[in-house]
């Protein structure tokens, strides 16, 4: 069965304490080439049947209405898993 992956991220103006905590550790762990970390959420939706354009549109609607909090988050990506 195919899977649709939905990525939800905090809006840029929203504080991201988990991302900041990871970001603070990067230099001491030797990862100096990265300058900022934002932590989001990933959802996997198993599809019964074929993923059509209509099913993908329904997944986008589900993501916007249920998976992301519109006051603090946005849906960054909705795609069929590879």
N, C-alpha and C. Protein backbone atom coordinates (compact mmCIF):
# COMPACT_ATOMS: atom_id res chain seq x y z
N UNK A 1 0.84 -1.18 0.00
CA UNK A 1 0.00 0.00 0.00
C UNK A 1 0.88 1.24 0.00
N UNK A 2 0.55 2.23 -0.82
CA UNK A 2 1.35 3.44 -0.88
C UNK A 2 1.18 4.31 0.37
N UNK A 3 2.15 5.17 0.58
CA UNK A 3 2.16 6.07 1.73
C UNK A 3 2.34 7.51 1.26
N UNK A 4 1.57 8.40 1.83
CA UNK A 4 1.76 9.83 1.60
C UNK A 4 2.41 10.40 2.85
N UNK A 5 3.47 11.18 2.64
CA UNK A 5 4.21 11.81 3.74
C UNK A 5 3.83 13.28 3.81
N UNK A 6 3.51 13.73 5.02
CA UNK A 6 3.17 15.13 5.27
C UNK A 6 4.19 15.69 6.27
N UNK A 7 4.83 16.78 5.88
CA UNK A 7 5.77 17.47 6.77
C UNK A 7 5.15 18.78 7.23
N UNK A 8 5.13 18.99 8.54
CA UNK A 8 4.58 20.20 9.14
C UNK A 8 5.71 20.88 9.91
N UNK A 9 5.85 22.19 9.70
CA UNK A 9 6.92 22.95 10.35
C UNK A 9 6.35 24.12 11.13
N UNK A 10 7.08 24.56 12.17
CA UNK A 10 6.64 25.77 12.86
C UNK A 10 6.83 26.98 11.94
N UNK A 11 5.93 27.94 12.03
CA UNK A 11 6.07 29.16 11.24
C UNK A 11 7.36 29.87 11.63
N UNK A 12 7.98 30.59 10.69
CA UNK A 12 9.27 31.25 10.99
C UNK A 12 9.24 32.16 12.22
N UNK A 13 8.13 32.82 12.48
CA UNK A 13 8.06 33.75 13.62
C UNK A 13 7.84 33.04 14.95
N UNK A 14 7.57 31.74 14.92
CA UNK A 14 7.29 30.98 16.14
C UNK A 14 8.60 30.44 16.72
N UNK A 15 8.76 30.59 18.02
CA UNK A 15 9.94 30.04 18.68
C UNK A 15 9.95 28.52 18.55
N UNK A 16 11.14 27.96 18.38
CA UNK A 16 11.31 26.52 18.22
C UNK A 16 12.36 26.05 19.23
N UNK A 17 11.96 25.81 20.49
CA UNK A 17 12.94 25.46 21.52
C UNK A 17 13.70 24.17 21.24
N UNK A 18 13.05 23.19 20.62
CA UNK A 18 13.75 21.94 20.31
C UNK A 18 14.82 22.19 19.24
N UNK A 19 14.45 22.96 18.23
CA UNK A 19 15.42 23.31 17.20
C UNK A 19 16.59 24.11 17.77
N UNK A 20 16.28 25.05 18.66
CA UNK A 20 17.35 25.85 19.30
C UNK A 20 18.29 24.98 20.12
N UNK A 21 17.74 24.00 20.83
CA UNK A 21 18.58 23.10 21.64
C UNK A 21 19.52 22.30 20.76
N UNK A 22 19.01 21.81 19.65
CA UNK A 22 19.86 21.06 18.71
C UNK A 22 20.90 21.99 18.11
N UNK A 23 20.45 23.18 17.71
CA UNK A 23 21.33 24.18 17.10
C UNK A 23 22.50 24.52 18.02
N UNK A 24 22.24 24.64 19.31
CA UNK A 24 23.29 24.99 20.27
C UNK A 24 24.37 23.92 20.37
N UNK A 25 24.01 22.68 20.10
CA UNK A 25 24.98 21.57 20.23
C UNK A 25 25.82 21.35 18.98
N UNK A 26 25.39 21.88 17.84
CA UNK A 26 26.08 21.61 16.59
C UNK A 26 27.58 21.91 16.62
N UNK A 27 28.02 23.11 17.04
CA UNK A 27 29.45 23.41 17.02
C UNK A 27 30.27 22.47 17.90
N UNK A 28 29.77 22.17 19.09
CA UNK A 28 30.56 21.31 19.98
C UNK A 28 30.63 19.87 19.48
N UNK A 29 29.72 19.49 18.60
CA UNK A 29 29.76 18.15 18.00
C UNK A 29 30.49 18.14 16.66
N UNK A 30 31.02 19.31 16.26
CA UNK A 30 31.82 19.40 15.05
C UNK A 30 31.03 19.69 13.78
N UNK A 31 29.77 20.04 13.90
CA UNK A 31 28.94 20.34 12.73
C UNK A 31 28.86 21.86 12.54
N UNK A 32 29.96 22.47 12.15
CA UNK A 32 30.02 23.92 12.03
C UNK A 32 29.48 24.45 10.70
N UNK A 33 29.22 23.56 9.76
CA UNK A 33 28.72 24.00 8.45
C UNK A 33 27.22 24.28 8.45
N UNK A 34 26.54 23.97 9.56
CA UNK A 34 25.10 24.21 9.66
C UNK A 34 24.86 25.38 10.61
N UNK A 35 23.94 26.27 10.21
CA UNK A 35 23.77 27.49 11.00
C UNK A 35 22.44 27.57 11.74
N UNK A 36 21.46 26.75 11.36
CA UNK A 36 20.17 26.85 12.03
C UNK A 36 19.42 25.54 11.88
N UNK A 37 18.72 25.15 12.93
CA UNK A 37 17.89 23.94 12.91
C UNK A 37 16.48 24.32 13.30
N UNK A 38 15.51 23.81 12.54
CA UNK A 38 14.10 23.94 12.88
C UNK A 38 13.56 22.52 12.94
N UNK A 39 12.84 22.20 13.97
CA UNK A 39 12.28 20.86 14.11
C UNK A 39 10.80 20.89 13.82
N UNK A 40 10.37 19.96 12.98
CA UNK A 40 8.97 19.87 12.62
C UNK A 40 8.41 18.50 12.95
N UNK A 41 7.30 18.17 12.27
CA UNK A 41 6.65 16.89 12.48
C UNK A 41 6.46 16.21 11.13
N UNK A 42 6.51 14.89 11.13
CA UNK A 42 6.28 14.10 9.92
C UNK A 42 5.11 13.15 10.20
N UNK A 43 4.19 13.11 9.26
CA UNK A 43 3.05 12.19 9.34
C UNK A 43 3.11 11.28 8.12
N UNK A 44 2.76 10.02 8.31
CA UNK A 44 2.68 9.07 7.20
C UNK A 44 1.25 8.56 7.11
N UNK A 45 0.64 8.76 5.95
CA UNK A 45 -0.73 8.35 5.71
C UNK A 45 -0.73 7.15 4.75
N UNK A 46 -1.18 6.01 5.20
CA UNK A 46 -1.26 4.82 4.35
C UNK A 46 -2.53 4.94 3.51
N UNK A 47 -2.39 4.71 2.22
CA UNK A 47 -3.50 4.87 1.28
C UNK A 47 -4.06 3.51 0.88
N UNK A 48 -5.36 3.40 0.98
CA UNK A 48 -6.05 2.20 0.50
C UNK A 48 -6.28 2.39 -0.99
N UNK A 49 -5.55 1.68 -1.81
CA UNK A 49 -5.69 1.82 -3.26
C UNK A 49 -4.61 2.71 -3.84
N UNK A 50 -4.90 3.23 -5.02
CA UNK A 50 -3.95 4.03 -5.78
C UNK A 50 -3.94 5.48 -5.32
N UNK A 51 -2.77 6.12 -5.39
CA UNK A 51 -2.67 7.54 -5.07
C UNK A 51 -2.94 8.32 -6.35
N UNK A 52 -4.12 8.87 -6.45
CA UNK A 52 -4.49 9.70 -7.60
C UNK A 52 -4.32 11.16 -7.22
N UNK A 53 -4.50 12.04 -8.18
CA UNK A 53 -4.43 13.48 -7.89
C UNK A 53 -5.48 13.87 -6.86
N UNK A 54 -6.65 13.24 -6.94
CA UNK A 54 -7.72 13.53 -5.99
C UNK A 54 -7.34 13.09 -4.57
N UNK A 55 -6.72 11.92 -4.46
CA UNK A 55 -6.29 11.42 -3.14
C UNK A 55 -5.22 12.34 -2.57
N UNK A 56 -4.30 12.79 -3.40
CA UNK A 56 -3.25 13.70 -2.94
C UNK A 56 -3.86 15.03 -2.49
N UNK A 57 -4.85 15.52 -3.23
CA UNK A 57 -5.54 16.75 -2.82
C UNK A 57 -6.25 16.56 -1.48
N UNK A 58 -6.85 15.40 -1.28
CA UNK A 58 -7.52 15.09 -0.01
C UNK A 58 -6.50 15.06 1.14
N UNK A 59 -5.31 14.52 0.87
CA UNK A 59 -4.26 14.49 1.89
C UNK A 59 -3.82 15.91 2.25
N UNK A 60 -3.74 16.78 1.25
CA UNK A 60 -3.38 18.18 1.51
C UNK A 60 -4.45 18.86 2.35
N UNK A 61 -5.71 18.58 2.06
CA UNK A 61 -6.81 19.15 2.85
C UNK A 61 -6.75 18.63 4.29
N UNK A 62 -6.52 17.34 4.45
CA UNK A 62 -6.40 16.75 5.78
C UNK A 62 -5.27 17.40 6.56
N UNK A 63 -4.13 17.59 5.88
CA UNK A 63 -2.97 18.19 6.53
C UNK A 63 -3.29 19.60 7.01
N UNK A 64 -3.94 20.39 6.15
CA UNK A 64 -4.25 21.77 6.50
C UNK A 64 -5.29 21.87 7.60
N UNK A 65 -6.26 20.97 7.60
CA UNK A 65 -7.37 21.05 8.55
C UNK A 65 -7.09 20.36 9.89
N UNK A 66 -6.26 19.32 9.88
CA UNK A 66 -6.12 18.51 11.07
C UNK A 66 -4.68 18.36 11.59
N UNK A 67 -3.72 18.26 10.69
CA UNK A 67 -2.36 17.93 11.12
C UNK A 67 -1.52 19.14 11.51
N UNK A 68 -1.84 20.31 10.96
CA UNK A 68 -1.09 21.52 11.29
C UNK A 68 -1.98 22.48 12.07
N UNK A 69 -1.40 23.09 13.09
CA UNK A 69 -2.09 24.14 13.83
C UNK A 69 -1.85 25.44 13.07
N UNK A 70 -2.85 26.00 12.40
CA UNK A 70 -2.63 27.15 11.53
C UNK A 70 -2.11 28.40 12.23
N UNK A 71 -2.26 28.49 13.53
CA UNK A 71 -1.74 29.68 14.22
C UNK A 71 -0.24 29.62 14.44
N UNK A 72 0.33 28.41 14.47
CA UNK A 72 1.77 28.29 14.76
C UNK A 72 2.55 27.46 13.74
N UNK A 73 1.85 26.74 12.84
CA UNK A 73 2.54 25.83 11.93
C UNK A 73 2.02 26.00 10.50
N UNK A 74 2.80 25.45 9.57
CA UNK A 74 2.36 25.40 8.18
C UNK A 74 2.71 24.03 7.61
N UNK A 75 1.98 23.63 6.59
CA UNK A 75 2.26 22.37 5.91
C UNK A 75 3.38 22.63 4.90
N UNK A 76 4.54 22.05 5.14
CA UNK A 76 5.70 22.30 4.31
C UNK A 76 5.72 21.43 3.06
N UNK A 77 5.18 20.21 3.17
CA UNK A 77 5.28 19.29 2.05
C UNK A 77 4.25 18.17 2.19
N UNK A 78 3.68 17.77 1.07
CA UNK A 78 2.80 16.61 1.00
C UNK A 78 3.18 15.86 -0.26
N UNK A 79 3.67 14.63 -0.12
CA UNK A 79 4.11 13.89 -1.30
C UNK A 79 4.00 12.39 -1.06
N UNK A 80 3.99 11.64 -2.14
CA UNK A 80 3.99 10.18 -2.06
C UNK A 80 5.38 9.74 -1.66
N UNK A 81 5.48 8.86 -0.67
CA UNK A 81 6.78 8.36 -0.19
C UNK A 81 7.48 7.62 -1.32
N UNK A 82 8.77 7.75 -1.37
CA UNK A 82 9.58 7.09 -2.40
C UNK A 82 10.13 5.79 -1.90
